[in-house]
Amino acid sequence: MPDKNLLKKPILELERIKEFLPHREPMLMVDGLLYFDGTKAISKLTILDSNIFVEDNLFSEAGMIEHMAQTAALLTGYRHQSENLPVKEGFIAAIKNLKIEALPKINEIVETEVDIAYEMASMTMVTLVSKIKDKTVATVEMTLVLKENE
């Protein structure tokens, strides 16, 4: 199957990532966009000991959920910007079938793939899979709602 990645190269600069997300430090939970094809994206996050979700040298469950939600937001934000549309703020409306099998340790890199399952108006349903070195550590289905421009 041919690679459908529309990125010429991964986006690893935080200032560029911030163009696609409303989040800022210390709540910024993605540090790279590795893949984008319009309906799927892959993000990355290096777990640093300074991360507010690190407890006892592990990235917490709440941090994993926030990272996964921001991966979905990154897909939407990058797509909107590439279509010359404003990046919208959003929120999690529902979380379903969350499974966290392992928590990342400090200095590990989490890569999370998000796939759009369904979109209608300002609501998007996505599936997410987070991995460390090709080992699945978390999966979830989320429903996200984008705020309308005021």
N, C-alpha and C. Protein backbone atom coordinates (compact mmCIF):
# COMPACT_ATOMS: atom_id res chain seq x y z
N MET A 1 0.85 -1.19 0.00
CA MET A 1 0.00 0.00 0.00
C MET A 1 0.89 1.24 0.00
N PRO A 2 0.68 2.16 -0.92
CA PRO A 2 1.54 3.35 -1.00
C PRO A 2 1.31 4.27 0.20
N ASP A 3 2.37 4.97 0.59
CA ASP A 3 2.31 5.90 1.70
C ASP A 3 1.48 7.11 1.28
N LYS A 4 0.46 7.45 2.07
CA LYS A 4 -0.39 8.59 1.78
C LYS A 4 -0.03 9.80 2.62
N ASN A 5 1.13 9.76 3.29
CA ASN A 5 1.53 10.85 4.17
C ASN A 5 1.65 12.15 3.38
N LEU A 6 0.87 13.15 3.77
CA LEU A 6 0.89 14.44 3.08
C LEU A 6 1.95 15.38 3.63
N LEU A 7 2.61 14.98 4.71
CA LEU A 7 3.70 15.80 5.26
C LEU A 7 4.97 15.55 4.46
N LYS A 8 5.66 16.62 4.10
CA LYS A 8 6.94 16.45 3.42
C LYS A 8 7.98 15.89 4.38
N LYS A 9 7.87 16.30 5.65
CA LYS A 9 8.73 15.77 6.71
C LYS A 9 7.98 15.95 8.02
N PRO A 10 8.34 15.18 9.06
CA PRO A 10 7.66 15.33 10.35
C PRO A 10 7.78 16.76 10.87
N ILE A 11 6.75 17.20 11.58
CA ILE A 11 6.77 18.52 12.22
C ILE A 11 7.15 18.30 13.67
N LEU A 12 8.36 18.73 14.03
CA LEU A 12 8.89 18.48 15.37
C LEU A 12 9.17 19.75 16.15
N GLU A 13 8.91 20.91 15.57
CA GLU A 13 9.16 22.18 16.24
C GLU A 13 7.92 22.56 17.04
N LEU A 14 8.09 22.81 18.34
CA LEU A 14 6.94 23.13 19.19
C LEU A 14 6.20 24.36 18.72
N GLU A 15 6.91 25.35 18.19
CA GLU A 15 6.23 26.56 17.72
C GLU A 15 5.28 26.24 16.56
N ARG A 16 5.66 25.31 15.71
CA ARG A 16 4.76 24.88 14.62
C ARG A 16 3.59 24.09 15.17
N ILE A 17 3.85 23.18 16.13
CA ILE A 17 2.78 22.38 16.74
C ILE A 17 1.74 23.31 17.35
N LYS A 18 2.18 24.38 18.00
CA LYS A 18 1.27 25.32 18.65
C LYS A 18 0.35 26.03 17.65
N GLU A 19 0.72 26.04 16.37
CA GLU A 19 -0.14 26.65 15.36
C GLU A 19 -1.42 25.84 15.16
N PHE A 20 -1.38 24.56 15.51
CA PHE A 20 -2.50 23.66 15.24
C PHE A 20 -3.33 23.35 16.47
N LEU A 21 -2.87 23.77 17.65
CA LEU A 21 -3.53 23.45 18.91
C LEU A 21 -3.73 24.70 19.75
N PRO A 22 -4.80 24.74 20.54
CA PRO A 22 -4.96 25.87 21.46
C PRO A 22 -4.16 25.67 22.76
N HIS A 23 -3.61 24.49 22.98
CA HIS A 23 -2.91 24.17 24.24
C HIS A 23 -1.55 24.84 24.30
N ARG A 24 -1.14 25.15 25.51
CA ARG A 24 0.18 25.73 25.77
C ARG A 24 0.78 25.05 26.98
N GLU A 25 2.10 25.24 27.16
CA GLU A 25 2.75 24.67 28.32
C GLU A 25 2.08 25.21 29.57
N PRO A 26 1.91 24.45 30.60
CA PRO A 26 2.40 23.08 30.78
C PRO A 26 1.41 22.01 30.30
N MET A 27 0.35 22.40 29.60
CA MET A 27 -0.68 21.44 29.18
C MET A 27 -0.49 20.94 27.74
N LEU A 28 0.62 21.23 27.12
CA LEU A 28 0.89 20.76 25.76
C LEU A 28 1.41 19.32 25.84
N MET A 29 0.62 18.37 25.31
CA MET A 29 0.94 16.94 25.47
C MET A 29 1.25 16.25 24.15
N VAL A 30 1.66 17.00 23.14
CA VAL A 30 2.23 16.43 21.91
C VAL A 30 3.44 17.27 21.54
N ASP A 31 4.48 16.63 21.03
CA ASP A 31 5.66 17.41 20.62
C ASP A 31 6.10 17.08 19.20
N GLY A 32 5.23 16.39 18.44
CA GLY A 32 5.55 16.12 17.05
C GLY A 32 4.36 15.58 16.30
N LEU A 33 4.29 15.94 15.02
CA LEU A 33 3.32 15.37 14.09
C LEU A 33 4.12 14.59 13.06
N LEU A 34 3.98 13.26 13.08
CA LEU A 34 4.81 12.40 12.25
C LEU A 34 4.14 12.00 10.94
N TYR A 35 2.81 11.98 10.93
CA TYR A 35 2.06 11.49 9.77
C TYR A 35 0.72 12.20 9.72
N PHE A 36 0.26 12.51 8.50
CA PHE A 36 -1.05 13.11 8.29
C PHE A 36 -1.51 12.76 6.88
N ASP A 37 -2.74 12.23 6.78
CA ASP A 37 -3.27 11.97 5.44
C ASP A 37 -4.69 12.52 5.24
N GLY A 38 -5.15 13.33 6.17
CA GLY A 38 -6.48 13.91 6.06
C GLY A 38 -7.47 13.31 7.03
N THR A 39 -7.42 11.99 7.20
CA THR A 39 -8.33 11.33 8.15
C THR A 39 -7.57 10.56 9.23
N LYS A 40 -6.27 10.54 9.13
CA LYS A 40 -5.43 9.84 10.10
C LYS A 40 -4.19 10.69 10.37
N ALA A 41 -3.73 10.64 11.62
CA ALA A 41 -2.50 11.33 11.98
C ALA A 41 -1.77 10.50 13.03
N ILE A 42 -0.47 10.71 13.11
CA ILE A 42 0.35 10.08 14.15
C ILE A 42 1.14 11.20 14.83
N SER A 43 0.97 11.26 16.15
CA SER A 43 1.71 12.25 16.95
C SER A 43 2.77 11.53 17.76
N LYS A 44 3.61 12.34 18.42
CA LYS A 44 4.56 11.77 19.36
C LYS A 44 4.66 12.68 20.57
N LEU A 45 5.05 12.06 21.68
CA LEU A 45 5.32 12.80 22.90
C LEU A 45 6.46 12.11 23.62
N THR A 46 7.52 12.86 23.89
CA THR A 46 8.61 12.35 24.72
C THR A 46 8.25 12.69 26.17
N ILE A 47 8.25 11.68 27.02
CA ILE A 47 7.87 11.87 28.42
C ILE A 47 9.06 12.43 29.18
N LEU A 48 8.93 13.66 29.63
CA LEU A 48 9.99 14.33 30.37
C LEU A 48 9.63 14.36 31.85
N ASP A 49 10.64 14.36 32.72
CA ASP A 49 10.35 14.37 34.15
C ASP A 49 9.68 15.67 34.58
N SER A 50 9.75 16.70 33.75
CA SER A 50 9.11 17.99 34.06
C SER A 50 7.62 18.01 33.68
N ASN A 51 7.14 16.98 32.99
CA ASN A 51 5.74 16.93 32.58
C ASN A 51 4.83 16.90 33.81
N ILE A 52 3.77 17.73 33.80
CA ILE A 52 2.90 17.83 34.97
C ILE A 52 2.12 16.54 35.25
N PHE A 53 2.06 15.64 34.28
CA PHE A 53 1.36 14.37 34.48
C PHE A 53 2.30 13.22 34.88
N VAL A 54 3.57 13.51 35.15
CA VAL A 54 4.49 12.47 35.61
C VAL A 54 4.38 12.33 37.12
N GLU A 55 4.11 11.09 37.55
CA GLU A 55 4.04 10.76 38.97
C GLU A 55 4.86 9.49 39.18
N ASP A 56 5.77 9.50 40.13
CA ASP A 56 6.62 8.33 40.43
C ASP A 56 7.31 7.80 39.17
N ASN A 57 7.84 8.72 38.37
CA ASN A 57 8.58 8.41 37.14
C ASN A 57 7.74 7.77 36.04
N LEU A 58 6.41 7.85 36.16
CA LEU A 58 5.50 7.33 35.13
C LEU A 58 4.56 8.43 34.68
N PHE A 59 4.19 8.38 33.40
CA PHE A 59 3.19 9.29 32.83
C PHE A 59 1.82 8.75 33.24
N SER A 60 1.03 9.54 33.92
CA SER A 60 -0.22 9.08 34.52
C SER A 60 -1.31 8.75 33.49
N GLU A 61 -2.35 8.07 33.97
CA GLU A 61 -3.51 7.76 33.12
C GLU A 61 -4.14 9.04 32.59
N ALA A 62 -4.28 10.05 33.45
CA ALA A 62 -4.85 11.33 33.01
C ALA A 62 -4.00 11.95 31.90
N GLY A 63 -2.68 11.83 32.03
CA GLY A 63 -1.78 12.33 30.99
C GLY A 63 -1.97 11.59 29.68
N MET A 64 -2.14 10.27 29.75
CA MET A 64 -2.37 9.49 28.53
C MET A 64 -3.65 9.92 27.83
N ILE A 65 -4.71 10.12 28.61
CA ILE A 65 -5.99 10.54 28.02
C ILE A 65 -5.84 11.92 27.39
N GLU A 66 -5.17 12.83 28.08
CA GLU A 66 -4.97 14.17 27.53
C GLU A 66 -4.10 14.12 26.27
N HIS A 67 -3.05 13.32 26.28
CA HIS A 67 -2.20 13.16 25.10
C HIS A 67 -3.02 12.64 23.91
N MET A 68 -3.86 11.65 24.17
CA MET A 68 -4.68 11.08 23.10
C MET A 68 -5.67 12.12 22.57
N ALA A 69 -6.30 12.86 23.45
CA ALA A 69 -7.24 13.91 23.01
C ALA A 69 -6.52 14.98 22.20
N GLN A 70 -5.31 15.36 22.63
CA GLN A 70 -4.56 16.37 21.88
C GLN A 70 -4.10 15.84 20.53
N THR A 71 -3.87 14.54 20.42
CA THR A 71 -3.53 13.95 19.12
C THR A 71 -4.71 14.13 18.17
N ALA A 72 -5.92 13.90 18.66
CA ALA A 72 -7.12 14.12 17.84
C ALA A 72 -7.24 15.59 17.46
N ALA A 73 -6.98 16.48 18.41
CA ALA A 73 -7.03 17.92 18.15
C ALA A 73 -5.96 18.33 17.14
N LEU A 74 -4.81 17.69 17.20
CA LEU A 74 -3.73 17.98 16.26
C LEU A 74 -4.14 17.62 14.83
N LEU A 75 -4.78 16.48 14.66
CA LEU A 75 -5.30 16.09 13.34
C LEU A 75 -6.25 17.14 12.81
N THR A 76 -7.22 17.53 13.63
CA THR A 76 -8.22 18.51 13.21
C THR A 76 -7.58 19.87 12.95
N GLY A 77 -6.72 20.30 13.87
CA GLY A 77 -6.08 21.61 13.73
C GLY A 77 -5.20 21.69 12.50
N TYR A 78 -4.40 20.65 12.24
CA TYR A 78 -3.54 20.66 11.06
C TYR A 78 -4.39 20.66 9.80
N ARG A 79 -5.45 19.85 9.79
CA ARG A 79 -6.32 19.79 8.61
C ARG A 79 -6.98 21.15 8.36
N HIS A 80 -7.50 21.77 9.42
CA HIS A 80 -8.13 23.08 9.24
C HIS A 80 -7.13 24.10 8.71
N GLN A 81 -5.94 24.12 9.31
CA GLN A 81 -4.96 25.11 8.85
C GLN A 81 -4.55 24.86 7.39
N SER A 82 -4.40 23.59 7.01
CA SER A 82 -4.01 23.29 5.63
C SER A 82 -5.12 23.64 4.63
N GLU A 83 -6.36 23.76 5.14
CA GLU A 83 -7.49 24.18 4.29
C GLU A 83 -7.80 25.66 4.48
N ASN A 84 -6.87 26.39 5.11
CA ASN A 84 -7.03 27.82 5.38
C ASN A 84 -8.26 28.14 6.20
N LEU A 85 -8.62 27.25 7.11
CA LEU A 85 -9.72 27.47 8.04
C LEU A 85 -9.15 27.76 9.41
N PRO A 86 -9.90 28.46 10.26
CA PRO A 86 -9.38 28.72 11.61
C PRO A 86 -9.30 27.44 12.43
N VAL A 87 -8.28 27.38 13.28
CA VAL A 87 -8.14 26.26 14.22
C VAL A 87 -9.13 26.51 15.34
N LYS A 88 -9.97 25.50 15.61
CA LYS A 88 -11.02 25.65 16.62
C LYS A 88 -10.65 24.91 17.90
N GLU A 89 -11.14 25.45 19.00
CA GLU A 89 -10.99 24.78 20.28
C GLU A 89 -12.06 23.69 20.37
N GLY A 90 -11.77 22.63 21.07
CA GLY A 90 -12.74 21.56 21.21
C GLY A 90 -12.69 20.96 22.59
N PHE A 91 -13.57 20.00 22.83
CA PHE A 91 -13.57 19.31 24.10
C PHE A 91 -14.03 17.88 23.92
N ILE A 92 -13.69 17.05 24.89
CA ILE A 92 -14.08 15.64 24.88
C ILE A 92 -15.54 15.55 25.31
N ALA A 93 -16.38 14.96 24.46
CA ALA A 93 -17.79 14.76 24.81
C ALA A 93 -18.02 13.37 25.40
N ALA A 94 -17.23 12.38 24.96
CA ALA A 94 -17.40 11.02 25.46
C ALA A 94 -16.11 10.23 25.29
N ILE A 95 -15.87 9.32 26.23
CA ILE A 95 -14.75 8.39 26.16
C ILE A 95 -15.35 6.99 26.30
N LYS A 96 -14.96 6.10 25.38
CA LYS A 96 -15.52 4.75 25.37
C LYS A 96 -14.40 3.74 25.15
N ASN A 97 -14.50 2.61 25.80
CA ASN A 97 -13.56 1.49 25.61
C ASN A 97 -12.10 1.88 25.87
N LEU A 98 -11.88 2.66 26.91
CA LEU A 98 -10.51 3.05 27.27
C LEU A 98 -9.79 1.85 27.88
N LYS A 99 -8.62 1.54 27.32
CA LYS A 99 -7.76 0.49 27.88
C LYS A 99 -6.35 1.05 27.97
N ILE A 100 -5.83 1.13 29.17
CA ILE A 100 -4.43 1.54 29.36
C ILE A 100 -3.71 0.32 29.90
N GLU A 101 -2.84 -0.23 29.06
CA GLU A 101 -2.15 -1.48 29.39
C GLU A 101 -0.82 -1.25 30.08
N ALA A 102 -0.21 -0.09 29.84
CA ALA A 102 1.07 0.24 30.46
C ALA A 102 1.22 1.75 30.46
N LEU A 103 1.91 2.27 31.47
CA LEU A 103 2.18 3.70 31.54
C LEU A 103 3.61 3.97 31.09
N PRO A 104 3.79 4.98 30.24
CA PRO A 104 5.15 5.31 29.78
C PRO A 104 6.01 5.81 30.93
N LYS A 105 7.29 5.48 30.83
CA LYS A 105 8.28 5.93 31.79
C LYS A 105 8.96 7.19 31.25
N ILE A 106 9.66 7.88 32.15
CA ILE A 106 10.41 9.07 31.75
C ILE A 106 11.37 8.69 30.62
N ASN A 107 11.47 9.57 29.63
CA ASN A 107 12.32 9.47 28.44
C ASN A 107 11.78 8.51 27.38
N GLU A 108 10.68 7.82 27.65
CA GLU A 108 10.09 7.01 26.59
C GLU A 108 9.31 7.91 25.64
N ILE A 109 9.18 7.45 24.40
CA ILE A 109 8.45 8.19 23.38
C ILE A 109 7.17 7.45 23.06
N VAL A 110 6.06 8.14 23.24
CA VAL A 110 4.75 7.59 22.91
C VAL A 110 4.37 8.09 21.53
N GLU A 111 3.99 7.17 20.65
CA GLU A 111 3.44 7.54 19.35
C GLU A 111 1.98 7.13 19.33
N THR A 112 1.13 8.06 18.96
CA THR A 112 -0.31 7.81 18.98
C THR A 112 -0.90 8.06 17.61
N GLU A 113 -1.64 7.05 17.15
CA GLU A 113 -2.33 7.14 15.86
C GLU A 113 -3.80 7.42 16.12
N VAL A 114 -4.32 8.39 15.41
CA VAL A 114 -5.75 8.73 15.50
C VAL A 114 -6.37 8.53 14.12
N ASP A 115 -7.51 7.88 14.10
CA ASP A 115 -8.28 7.66 12.88
C ASP A 115 -9.68 8.20 13.08
N ILE A 116 -10.17 8.95 12.11
CA ILE A 116 -11.54 9.45 12.19
C ILE A 116 -12.48 8.33 11.79
N ALA A 117 -13.40 8.00 12.70
CA ALA A 117 -14.40 6.97 12.42
C ALA A 117 -15.66 7.59 11.82
N TYR A 118 -15.97 8.81 12.27
CA TYR A 118 -17.22 9.45 11.87
C TYR A 118 -17.13 10.94 12.13
N GLU A 119 -17.65 11.73 11.19
CA GLU A 119 -17.71 13.18 11.38
C GLU A 119 -19.09 13.68 10.97
N MET A 120 -19.63 14.58 11.79
CA MET A 120 -20.88 15.24 11.42
C MET A 120 -20.90 16.60 12.09
N ALA A 121 -21.03 17.63 11.28
CA ALA A 121 -21.04 19.01 11.76
C ALA A 121 -19.82 19.24 12.65
N SER A 122 -20.02 19.62 13.92
CA SER A 122 -18.88 19.93 14.79
C SER A 122 -18.48 18.74 15.67
N MET A 123 -19.07 17.56 15.41
CA MET A 123 -18.76 16.37 16.21
C MET A 123 -17.90 15.40 15.41
N THR A 124 -16.89 14.85 16.06
CA THR A 124 -16.00 13.87 15.43
C THR A 124 -15.81 12.70 16.38
N MET A 125 -15.97 11.49 15.84
CA MET A 125 -15.68 10.28 16.60
C MET A 125 -14.37 9.72 16.06
N VAL A 126 -13.45 9.41 16.98
CA VAL A 126 -12.13 8.93 16.59
C VAL A 126 -11.76 7.69 17.39
N THR A 127 -10.85 6.90 16.81
CA THR A 127 -10.22 5.80 17.53
C THR A 127 -8.74 6.15 17.65
N LEU A 128 -8.17 5.82 18.79
CA LEU A 128 -6.77 6.13 19.04
C LEU A 128 -6.05 4.92 19.58
N VAL A 129 -4.79 4.76 19.13
CA VAL A 129 -3.92 3.69 19.61
C VAL A 129 -2.57 4.33 19.93
N SER A 130 -2.13 4.17 21.17
CA SER A 130 -0.83 4.69 21.60
C SER A 130 0.14 3.53 21.74
N LYS A 131 1.36 3.75 21.25
CA LYS A 131 2.39 2.71 21.29
C LYS A 131 3.71 3.27 21.79
N ILE A 132 4.49 2.39 22.39
CA ILE A 132 5.89 2.67 22.71
C ILE A 132 6.68 1.57 22.04
N LYS A 133 7.56 1.95 21.12
CA LYS A 133 8.38 0.98 20.38
C LYS A 133 7.51 -0.15 19.81
N ASP A 134 6.45 0.21 19.11
CA ASP A 134 5.55 -0.74 18.44
C ASP A 134 4.74 -1.62 19.39
N LYS A 135 4.78 -1.37 20.70
CA LYS A 135 3.96 -2.13 21.65
C LYS A 135 2.79 -1.23 22.06
N THR A 136 1.57 -1.73 21.84
CA THR A 136 0.39 -0.96 22.21
C THR A 136 0.32 -0.80 23.73
N VAL A 137 0.16 0.47 24.17
CA VAL A 137 0.05 0.74 25.61
C VAL A 137 -1.32 1.30 25.98
N ALA A 138 -2.07 1.83 25.00
CA ALA A 138 -3.39 2.38 25.30
C ALA A 138 -4.23 2.46 24.04
N THR A 139 -5.54 2.25 24.21
CA THR A 139 -6.50 2.41 23.12
C THR A 139 -7.75 3.08 23.68
N VAL A 140 -8.45 3.80 22.83
CA VAL A 140 -9.68 4.48 23.25
C VAL A 140 -10.49 4.91 22.03
N GLU A 141 -11.78 5.07 22.23
CA GLU A 141 -12.66 5.73 21.27
C GLU A 141 -13.12 7.01 21.95
N MET A 142 -13.05 8.12 21.22
CA MET A 142 -13.47 9.41 21.79
C MET A 142 -14.44 10.10 20.84
N THR A 143 -15.36 10.82 21.43
CA THR A 143 -16.21 11.74 20.68
C THR A 143 -15.78 13.13 21.09
N LEU A 144 -15.46 13.93 20.11
CA LEU A 144 -14.97 15.29 20.34
C LEU A 144 -15.93 16.27 19.68
N VAL A 145 -16.09 17.43 20.32
CA VAL A 145 -16.95 18.46 19.79
C VAL A 145 -16.13 19.73 19.66
N LEU A 146 -16.19 20.35 18.48
CA LEU A 146 -15.50 21.62 18.26
C LEU A 146 -16.40 22.77 18.62
N LYS A 147 -15.83 23.78 19.27
CA LYS A 147 -16.60 24.98 19.58
C LYS A 147 -16.85 25.75 18.29
N GLU A 148 -18.02 26.31 18.20
CA GLU A 148 -18.34 27.15 17.04
C GLU A 148 -17.68 28.51 17.24
N ASN A 149 -17.29 29.12 16.13
CA ASN A 149 -16.70 30.47 16.22
C ASN A 149 -17.76 31.45 16.70
N GLU A 150 -17.32 32.34 17.58
CA GLU A 150 -18.28 33.30 18.15
C GLU A 150 -18.23 34.59 17.41
